[in-house]
């Protein structure tokens, strides 16, 4: 493969910028990338941006200096204009983000649909007092999931209640803080839509410490379907985001771009994973 790279003038390496590679979501994407590159002769070089704009920019420049043949950008805070600039320099695919002007270079899932599906499932189980724990403020995925939540409420004829909203992030600690805050304020709710599964995990812990049973007293639904979700107590009902599949599709799209070939794909669809953390509201 080294000789093949010399003959073609290629390094046979691809630069992969991810975020918090220890996170189950990003780790699953990374596994998909590795699988998608199997047999291609290309070696992925992973760097972790840590959701820090300056760190991401330095990491990308480091990859470019290593003469990578293409860039795969997973999530992150790099501005659309910067990504468009990189795309003019070399083949580039963006994962888990939608970038105006780079629509055919983005592999993502409909996050508004994720928020809608999560809330819709609770509404179908007759819950109307639904707390919503936000992801990172200003983050596009968090904004889209909240928009989907509001759409489902509006469709059901339920008015938005600001007291049931909590600005968190995508961490378990945010779920813990959110539930403690809602309970301390005496705010009544029968169900929680968590920004992701880690937030759901923190919410579950807070409820447990207060002697509140899931799902008998409060139902919880998460988003993403991280590996831990199936092993929570009780197992978490969640909206599966096809992170592994996104990694596979993104790597194949990048290989095709390097070869100046077309690679067609459609937006990947989220799926409801029904487990044991949601119960029909009966009182």
Foldseek 3Di string as FASTA:
>chain_A
DCVVCVVVVAPLEEEEEEAPCVDLLNVLLVLLQVVLCPPVSHHYDYDHQNQDQVSSVVSVVVVVVVRHQEYEYEDHDHDLVVVVVVVVVHQYAYEQDAHPPCNVRYAHAQLLVQLLVQLLVQVVLVWQQEAEEFAAPPRPSRVSSVNSVVVNCVVVVHDDDPLSYHYAHQALVSLLVSLVVCVVVVHDGAEYEYAAVRSVLSVCVNCVVVVHDFNVRHFYEGEAPRVCQVVPVPRHWYKHTNSSNSSSLNNNCSVCVSVVHDDDDDHDYIHTDDTGRHHRDDD
